[in-house]
Protein backbone atom coordinates (compact mmCIF):
# COMPACT_ATOMS: atom_id res chain seq x y z
CA MET A 1 132.14 134.45 100.45
CA GLY A 2 134.49 132.35 102.57
CA LYS A 3 133.63 129.12 104.27
CA LYS A 4 133.07 130.82 107.61
CA ASP A 5 130.70 133.33 105.98
CA LYS A 6 128.45 130.57 104.63
CA PRO A 7 125.33 129.48 106.54
CA LEU A 8 126.07 126.54 108.80
CA TYR A 9 123.81 124.18 106.86
CA MET A 10 125.70 125.03 103.66
CA GLN A 11 129.01 124.19 105.33
CA ILE A 12 127.64 120.74 106.17
CA TYR A 13 126.18 120.45 102.66
CA ASP A 14 129.53 121.32 101.04
CA ASP A 15 131.41 118.86 103.21
CA LEU A 16 129.07 115.96 102.40
CA LYS A 17 128.84 116.87 98.71
CA THR A 18 132.64 116.88 98.41
CA LYS A 19 132.85 113.46 100.03
CA ILE A 20 130.14 112.08 97.74
CA ASP A 21 131.82 113.56 94.64
CA ASN A 22 135.14 112.04 95.73
CA ASN A 23 133.49 108.65 96.32
CA GLU A 24 134.31 108.70 100.01
CA TYR A 25 130.69 107.60 100.34
CA ALA A 26 129.81 104.85 97.85
CA PRO A 27 126.44 104.53 96.07
CA HIS A 28 123.74 103.37 98.50
CA GLU A 29 126.14 103.87 101.43
CA LYS A 30 124.60 105.39 104.53
CA ILE A 31 125.83 108.86 105.50
CA PRO A 32 125.78 110.38 109.03
CA THR A 33 122.37 111.00 110.60
CA GLU A 34 120.95 114.39 111.57
CA LYS A 35 122.06 113.84 115.16
CA GLU A 36 125.55 112.66 114.18
CA LEU A 37 126.00 115.68 111.90
CA ALA A 38 124.69 118.01 114.58
CA ASP A 39 127.23 116.64 117.08
CA LEU A 40 130.08 116.65 114.55
CA PHE A 41 129.55 120.25 113.42
CA GLU A 42 128.24 121.46 116.79
CA VAL A 43 124.98 122.75 115.36
CA SER A 44 121.30 122.11 116.02
CA LYS A 45 119.45 119.16 114.47
CA ILE A 46 117.35 121.68 112.54
CA THR A 47 120.51 122.92 110.83
CA SER A 48 121.82 119.43 110.01
CA LYS A 49 118.40 118.40 108.73
CA ARG A 50 118.38 121.43 106.41
CA ALA A 51 121.68 120.24 104.91
CA LEU A 52 120.25 116.77 104.26
CA VAL A 53 117.11 118.25 102.72
CA GLU A 54 119.26 120.29 100.32
CA LEU A 55 121.30 117.21 99.39
CA GLU A 56 118.08 115.29 98.68
CA LYS A 57 116.70 118.15 96.57
CA GLU A 58 119.91 118.16 94.56
CA GLY A 59 119.54 114.44 93.88
CA LEU A 60 122.68 113.49 95.80
CA ILE A 61 121.01 111.33 98.44
CA TYR A 62 117.78 109.51 99.12
CA ARG A 63 116.23 109.06 102.52
CA LYS A 64 114.63 105.97 104.09
CA ARG A 65 112.22 106.68 106.87
CA GLY A 66 113.54 105.13 110.07
CA SER A 67 116.82 104.09 108.43
CA GLY A 68 118.64 107.28 107.48
CA SER A 69 120.09 108.87 104.35
CA PHE A 70 121.96 107.10 101.55
CA VAL A 71 123.97 108.11 98.48
CA LEU A 72 122.13 107.88 95.17
CA PRO A 73 123.86 105.64 92.60
CA GLU A 74 125.39 107.23 89.52
CA VAL A 75 122.57 106.06 87.24
CA GLU A 76 120.31 108.61 88.89
CA ASP A 77 123.08 111.22 88.56
CA LYS A 78 123.69 114.47 90.36
CA ILE A 79 121.03 117.14 90.00
CA SER A 80 122.26 120.70 89.75
CA PRO A 81 119.88 123.60 90.36
CA GLU A 82 119.51 124.44 86.66
CA LYS A 83 118.55 120.88 85.72
CA LYS A 84 114.99 119.70 85.23
CA VAL A 85 113.92 116.96 87.59
CA VAL A 86 111.38 114.16 87.18
CA SER A 87 110.62 112.22 90.36
CA LEU A 88 109.80 108.53 90.59
CA VAL A 89 107.63 107.72 93.62
CA LEU A 90 107.54 104.07 94.74
CA PRO A 91 105.59 102.34 97.54
CA PHE A 92 108.72 100.39 98.50
CA GLU A 93 112.49 100.70 98.55
CA SER A 94 114.07 100.25 95.10
CA ASN A 95 116.74 97.81 96.19
CA GLY A 96 116.51 95.25 93.40
CA GLY A 97 114.20 93.20 91.23
CA GLY A 98 112.51 94.38 88.07
CA MET A 99 111.96 97.89 89.42
CA MET A 100 115.68 98.66 89.18
CA LYS A 101 115.36 98.06 85.43
CA THR A 102 112.47 100.54 85.34
CA ILE A 103 114.51 103.11 87.26
CA ARG A 104 117.55 102.71 85.04
CA SER A 105 115.63 102.92 81.76
CA ALA A 106 113.74 106.00 82.95
CA ALA A 107 116.98 107.63 84.13
CA VAL A 108 118.78 106.94 80.85
CA PHE A 109 115.93 108.33 78.74
CA LEU A 110 115.63 111.44 80.92
CA GLN A 111 119.37 112.10 80.84
CA GLU A 112 119.26 112.04 77.05
CA GLN A 113 116.59 114.76 77.19
CA ASP A 114 118.57 116.83 79.73
CA TYR A 115 116.32 115.81 82.63
CA TYR A 116 117.31 114.03 85.80
CA LEU A 117 115.57 111.38 87.86
CA SER A 118 115.10 111.44 91.63
CA VAL A 119 113.70 108.37 93.40
CA HIS A 120 111.53 108.40 96.52
CA SER A 121 109.76 105.80 98.65
CA THR A 122 106.43 106.20 100.46
CA GLU A 123 106.72 102.85 102.27
CA GLY A 124 103.27 101.91 101.01
CA THR A 125 101.25 104.24 103.21
CA ARG A 126 98.48 106.64 102.18
CA ASP A 127 99.80 109.54 104.24
CA GLU A 128 103.41 109.17 103.06
CA GLU A 129 102.27 109.05 99.43
CA ARG A 130 100.14 112.15 99.90
CA GLU A 131 102.87 114.06 101.69
CA MET A 132 105.45 113.12 99.07
CA LEU A 133 103.26 114.15 96.11
CA GLN A 134 102.39 117.47 97.74
CA LYS A 135 106.05 118.17 98.52
CA LEU A 136 107.20 117.40 94.99
CA TYR A 137 104.46 119.59 93.51
CA GLU A 138 105.34 122.47 95.84
CA ASP A 139 109.05 122.01 95.06
CA ASN A 140 108.25 122.53 91.36
CA VAL A 141 109.69 119.28 90.07
CA SER A 142 109.02 118.91 86.36
CA GLY A 143 106.79 115.86 86.72
CA VAL A 144 106.14 112.64 88.60
CA ILE A 145 106.13 108.96 87.66
CA LEU A 146 104.00 107.32 90.33
CA TYR A 147 103.78 103.65 91.29
CA PRO A 148 100.58 103.86 93.37
CA ASN A 149 100.28 101.70 96.43
CA SER A 150 96.58 101.48 95.58
CA GLU A 151 94.48 103.11 92.90
CA ARG A 152 91.98 103.98 95.63
CA MET A 153 94.36 106.22 97.58
CA ASN A 154 94.50 110.03 97.50
CA LEU A 155 92.08 110.39 94.58
CA ASP A 156 91.29 114.00 95.51
CA LEU A 157 94.97 115.00 95.33
CA ILE A 158 95.54 113.04 92.11
CA TYR A 159 92.61 114.82 90.46
CA TYR A 160 93.83 118.18 91.77
CA LEU A 161 97.21 117.58 90.12
CA TYR A 162 95.36 116.64 86.92
CA ILE A 163 93.33 119.87 86.75
CA LYS A 164 96.53 121.82 87.45
CA LYS A 165 98.04 120.10 84.38
CA PHE A 166 100.89 118.78 86.47
CA PRO A 167 102.69 116.07 84.42
CA LEU A 168 101.86 112.79 86.13
CA VAL A 169 101.95 109.23 84.83
CA THR A 170 101.41 106.01 86.77
CA ILE A 171 103.15 102.67 86.31
CA ASP A 172 101.99 99.16 87.27
CA LYS A 173 98.49 100.42 88.16
CA PHE A 174 96.06 102.99 86.81
CA TYR A 175 93.22 105.05 88.23
CA GLU A 176 89.91 103.76 86.91
CA GLY A 177 87.66 106.69 86.04
CA LEU A 178 90.43 109.31 86.15
CA PRO A 179 92.15 110.63 82.99
CA ILE A 180 95.66 110.06 84.37
CA SER A 181 98.19 108.66 81.88
CA TYR A 182 99.62 105.27 82.66
CA VAL A 183 102.07 102.60 81.51
CA VAL A 184 101.13 99.12 82.68
CA SER A 185 101.53 95.54 81.55
CA GLU A 186 98.87 93.52 79.75
CA ASN A 187 97.81 91.97 83.04
CA PHE A 188 94.64 90.39 81.67
CA CYS A 189 96.57 88.76 78.81
CA GLY A 190 99.24 87.64 81.28
CA GLY A 191 96.69 85.94 83.49
CA PHE A 192 95.14 84.30 80.45
CA GLN A 193 98.53 83.11 79.16
CA ALA A 194 99.52 81.69 82.54
CA ALA A 195 96.33 79.65 82.90
CA GLU A 196 96.40 78.53 79.26
CA CYS A 197 100.03 77.43 79.58
CA LEU A 198 98.99 75.16 82.43
CA ILE A 199 95.92 73.90 80.57
CA GLN A 200 97.97 73.05 77.47
CA LYS A 201 100.22 70.95 79.68
CA GLY A 202 97.26 68.89 80.87
CA HIS A 203 96.22 70.71 84.04
CA SER A 204 92.49 71.15 84.57
CA LYS A 205 92.32 71.90 88.29
CA ILE A 206 94.19 75.19 88.59
CA GLY A 207 94.09 77.40 91.67
CA TYR A 208 94.72 81.14 91.97
CA ILE A 209 96.36 82.62 95.08
CA SER A 210 96.76 86.28 96.00
CA THR A 211 97.88 88.11 99.13
CA ARG A 212 95.64 91.05 98.25
CA ARG A 213 91.95 91.61 97.60
CA ILE A 214 91.16 91.94 93.91
CA GLU A 215 88.87 94.94 94.42
CA ASN A 216 91.80 96.92 95.86
CA VAL A 217 94.41 96.39 93.13
CA VAL A 218 93.49 96.66 89.45
CA SER A 219 96.54 94.69 88.24
CA VAL A 220 95.65 91.74 90.47
CA LYS A 221 92.03 91.94 89.36
CA GLU A 222 92.95 91.87 85.68
CA ARG A 223 95.31 88.90 86.12
CA PHE A 224 92.55 87.03 87.92
CA PHE A 225 89.98 87.83 85.22
CA GLY A 226 92.43 86.63 82.56
CA TYR A 227 92.86 83.37 84.47
CA LEU A 228 89.06 82.91 84.67
CA SER A 229 88.66 83.63 80.96
CA ALA A 230 91.20 80.94 80.03
CA LEU A 231 89.36 78.39 82.18
CA ASP A 232 86.07 79.34 80.55
CA LYS A 233 87.54 79.13 77.03
CA HIS A 234 88.58 75.53 77.70
CA ASN A 235 85.27 74.64 79.39
CA ILE A 236 86.89 74.11 82.77
CA ASN A 237 84.50 74.42 85.69
CA ILE A 238 85.04 77.62 87.69
CA ASN A 239 84.34 77.19 91.39
CA GLN A 240 85.07 79.27 94.47
CA PRO A 241 87.46 76.83 96.26
CA ALA A 242 89.87 77.26 93.33
CA PHE A 243 90.85 80.81 94.28
CA SER A 244 91.86 82.53 97.49
CA PHE A 245 92.61 86.19 98.23
CA ASP A 246 94.05 88.32 101.01
CA LEU A 247 96.34 85.56 102.30
CA LYS A 248 98.77 87.63 104.37
CA LYS A 249 100.38 84.95 106.54
CA ASP A 250 102.27 81.81 105.54
CA SER A 251 99.94 79.85 107.79
CA GLU A 252 97.02 80.99 105.60
CA ILE A 253 98.87 79.97 102.45
CA LYS A 254 99.66 76.57 103.94
CA SER A 255 96.03 76.03 104.90
CA THR A 256 94.95 76.88 101.36
CA LEU A 257 97.59 74.56 99.86
CA LYS A 258 96.37 71.67 102.01
CA GLN A 259 92.81 72.30 100.86
CA LEU A 260 93.80 72.44 97.20
CA LYS A 261 95.84 69.27 97.57
CA GLU A 262 92.89 67.46 99.18
CA ASN A 263 90.73 68.54 96.23
CA ARG A 264 93.32 67.20 93.78
CA PHE A 265 94.43 70.51 92.30
CA THR A 266 97.60 70.08 90.26
CA ALA A 267 98.62 73.69 89.57
CA ILE A 268 98.56 77.21 90.98
CA PHE A 269 98.81 80.61 89.31
CA ALA A 270 100.15 83.15 91.82
CA GLU A 271 99.48 86.88 91.79
CA ASN A 272 103.21 87.61 91.38
CA ASP A 273 106.64 86.00 91.69
CA GLN A 274 107.10 86.90 95.34
CA VAL A 275 103.86 85.13 96.23
CA ALA A 276 104.83 82.18 93.99
CA LEU A 277 108.16 81.85 95.81
CA ARG A 278 106.36 81.92 99.17
CA ILE A 279 104.04 79.18 97.89
CA ILE A 280 107.02 77.04 96.87
CA ASP A 281 108.63 77.58 100.28
CA CYS A 282 105.37 76.60 102.03
CA CYS A 283 105.10 73.51 99.81
CA GLN A 284 108.59 72.44 100.84
CA GLN A 285 107.62 72.77 104.49
CA LEU A 286 104.47 70.71 103.87
CA GLY A 287 106.33 68.03 101.92
CA ILE A 288 104.56 68.86 98.64
CA LYS A 289 106.92 68.30 95.72
CA ILE A 290 107.27 70.99 93.02
CA PRO A 291 106.41 70.30 90.19
CA GLU A 292 105.77 66.56 90.65
CA GLU A 293 102.74 67.08 92.89
CA LEU A 294 101.97 70.75 92.30
CA SER A 295 102.94 73.10 89.46
CA VAL A 296 103.42 76.82 90.18
CA ILE A 297 103.59 79.80 87.85
CA GLY A 298 104.18 83.42 88.88
CA PHE A 299 104.04 86.89 87.34
CA ASP A 300 106.82 89.51 86.87
CA ASP A 301 110.07 87.60 86.16
CA ILE A 302 112.10 89.17 88.94
CA ASP A 303 115.72 88.08 89.43
CA ALA A 304 114.75 85.68 92.22
CA ALA A 305 112.37 83.89 89.83
CA GLY A 306 115.25 82.97 87.55
CA GLN A 307 117.38 81.85 90.47
CA ALA A 308 114.56 79.57 91.66
CA SER A 309 113.80 78.30 88.11
CA LEU A 310 110.24 79.60 88.52
CA SER A 311 107.98 79.59 85.47
CA THR A 312 106.43 83.02 85.18
CA VAL A 313 104.84 85.75 83.08
CA ALA A 314 107.54 88.32 82.24
CA GLN A 315 106.85 92.05 82.34
CA ASN A 316 108.95 94.47 80.29
CA PHE A 317 110.29 96.60 83.15
CA ASP A 318 112.72 98.45 80.87
CA LYS A 319 109.99 99.65 78.53
CA MET A 320 107.80 100.62 81.47
CA GLY A 321 110.35 103.14 82.73
CA GLU A 322 111.27 104.44 79.30
CA ASN A 323 107.66 104.92 78.15
CA ALA A 324 106.62 106.62 81.39
CA ALA A 325 109.54 109.05 81.15
CA GLU A 326 108.75 109.69 77.48
CA ILE A 327 105.14 110.64 78.31
CA ILE A 328 106.35 113.11 80.95
CA VAL A 329 108.91 114.73 78.65
CA ASP A 330 106.47 114.89 75.74
CA SER A 331 103.98 116.64 78.00
CA LEU A 332 106.58 119.17 79.14
CA GLU A 333 108.36 119.86 75.85
CA ASN A 334 105.30 119.91 73.57
CA HIS A 335 102.72 121.15 76.10
CA LYS A 336 100.69 118.02 75.50
CA TYR A 337 98.37 117.05 78.33
CA GLN A 338 96.78 114.08 76.66
CA TYR A 339 95.49 110.98 78.37
CA GLU A 340 98.03 108.34 77.33
CA LYS A 341 97.14 104.69 77.93
CA VAL A 342 100.03 102.28 77.33
CA LYS A 343 99.74 98.53 77.90
CA LEU A 344 102.95 96.59 77.39
CA PRO A 345 102.88 92.99 76.10
CA VAL A 346 103.96 90.16 78.39
CA ASN A 347 105.28 86.70 77.62
CA ILE A 348 105.52 83.31 79.31
CA ILE A 349 108.91 82.18 80.59
CA GLU A 350 108.87 78.40 81.05
CA ARG A 351 111.28 77.00 83.62
CA GLU A 352 111.14 74.07 86.02
CA THR A 353 108.13 74.62 88.29
CA VAL A 354 105.47 73.46 85.80
CA LYS A 355 104.93 69.77 85.07
CA ASP A 356 103.82 68.71 81.57
CA ILE A 357 101.16 66.12 82.39
CA LYS A 358 100.29 65.50 78.74
CA LYS A 359 103.90 64.79 77.83
CA GLN A 360 104.24 62.39 80.75
CA LYS A 361 101.08 60.51 79.73
CA THR A 362 102.30 60.26 76.14
CA ALA A 363 105.64 58.88 77.31
CA LYS A 364 103.86 56.21 79.40
CA ASN A 365 101.62 55.19 76.49
CA ASP A 366 104.64 54.83 74.21
CA LYS A 367 106.25 52.30 76.54
């Protein structure tokens, strides 16, 4: 069949695929929009959209709602029709941080098993997550690795996929009460280690700050409970002013910091590194010196944490992706639909945002 005999959408598909294969469009580079393609090839937007849908199904591009379509990097590879596809669904764009390590490790493991990884974003909304999961199920992808925006979202659909024995594993969070396999970090142990690290350095008034409510996110809840358990182990009084949740705005964080400072708190454990970095930025604006006046420790060990010399609890993002992919493949290849519960160990990374009060006191006494 000649080029002119092909459906119009396939002509657009072939043109874009050739350009991607020849690196005329680089990884993560934006390609023409539906409207631009429609004008260029003198076709309807329905036709140009069909071409983009086919490119996405083949694993050649990924689409950002409101932004357009972009070329998938080589690590995610090109997906031909005969290949088996596992999809990774994220609540955010995978443009850096620890999640890129998760993506790469999952992709490498899947490639070794003759599977391919496609990556999708739901932008953190319930409806987008639901629509994406339904679409992937209807498109007969081999399985899904899901980073839930919340373990309270779309429970009916998640359970439906479970009873249909559709291979599904979650990362970062898990569904309490549902037998859905998961790979998460030892969040409780991480919270405990963070608080105990501060205690061992002489801190006794340690705050906890989160931008989310603990009842909505199991990982945040477990980190908080670990923090409380460390305080209790060392007989440190636990009182409500020490912890604050659902602080969305910087103004709310600043208000909390002022209150903690007035109550002579010397350290803060943040829900994650991004929140810790916001706290440090707010402290700078308030004239609070880190770590001289206030020590800060985060959770994750993202790239920005290292750049800012932030002390943190490191997650093993590589193992998270590899183990999740392994559970999916094991389910598919061996027809195993077992409830796998994997908790990966974490470890403290000490940098420059935590002050050792005990060491300072000892140095003064020695003089």
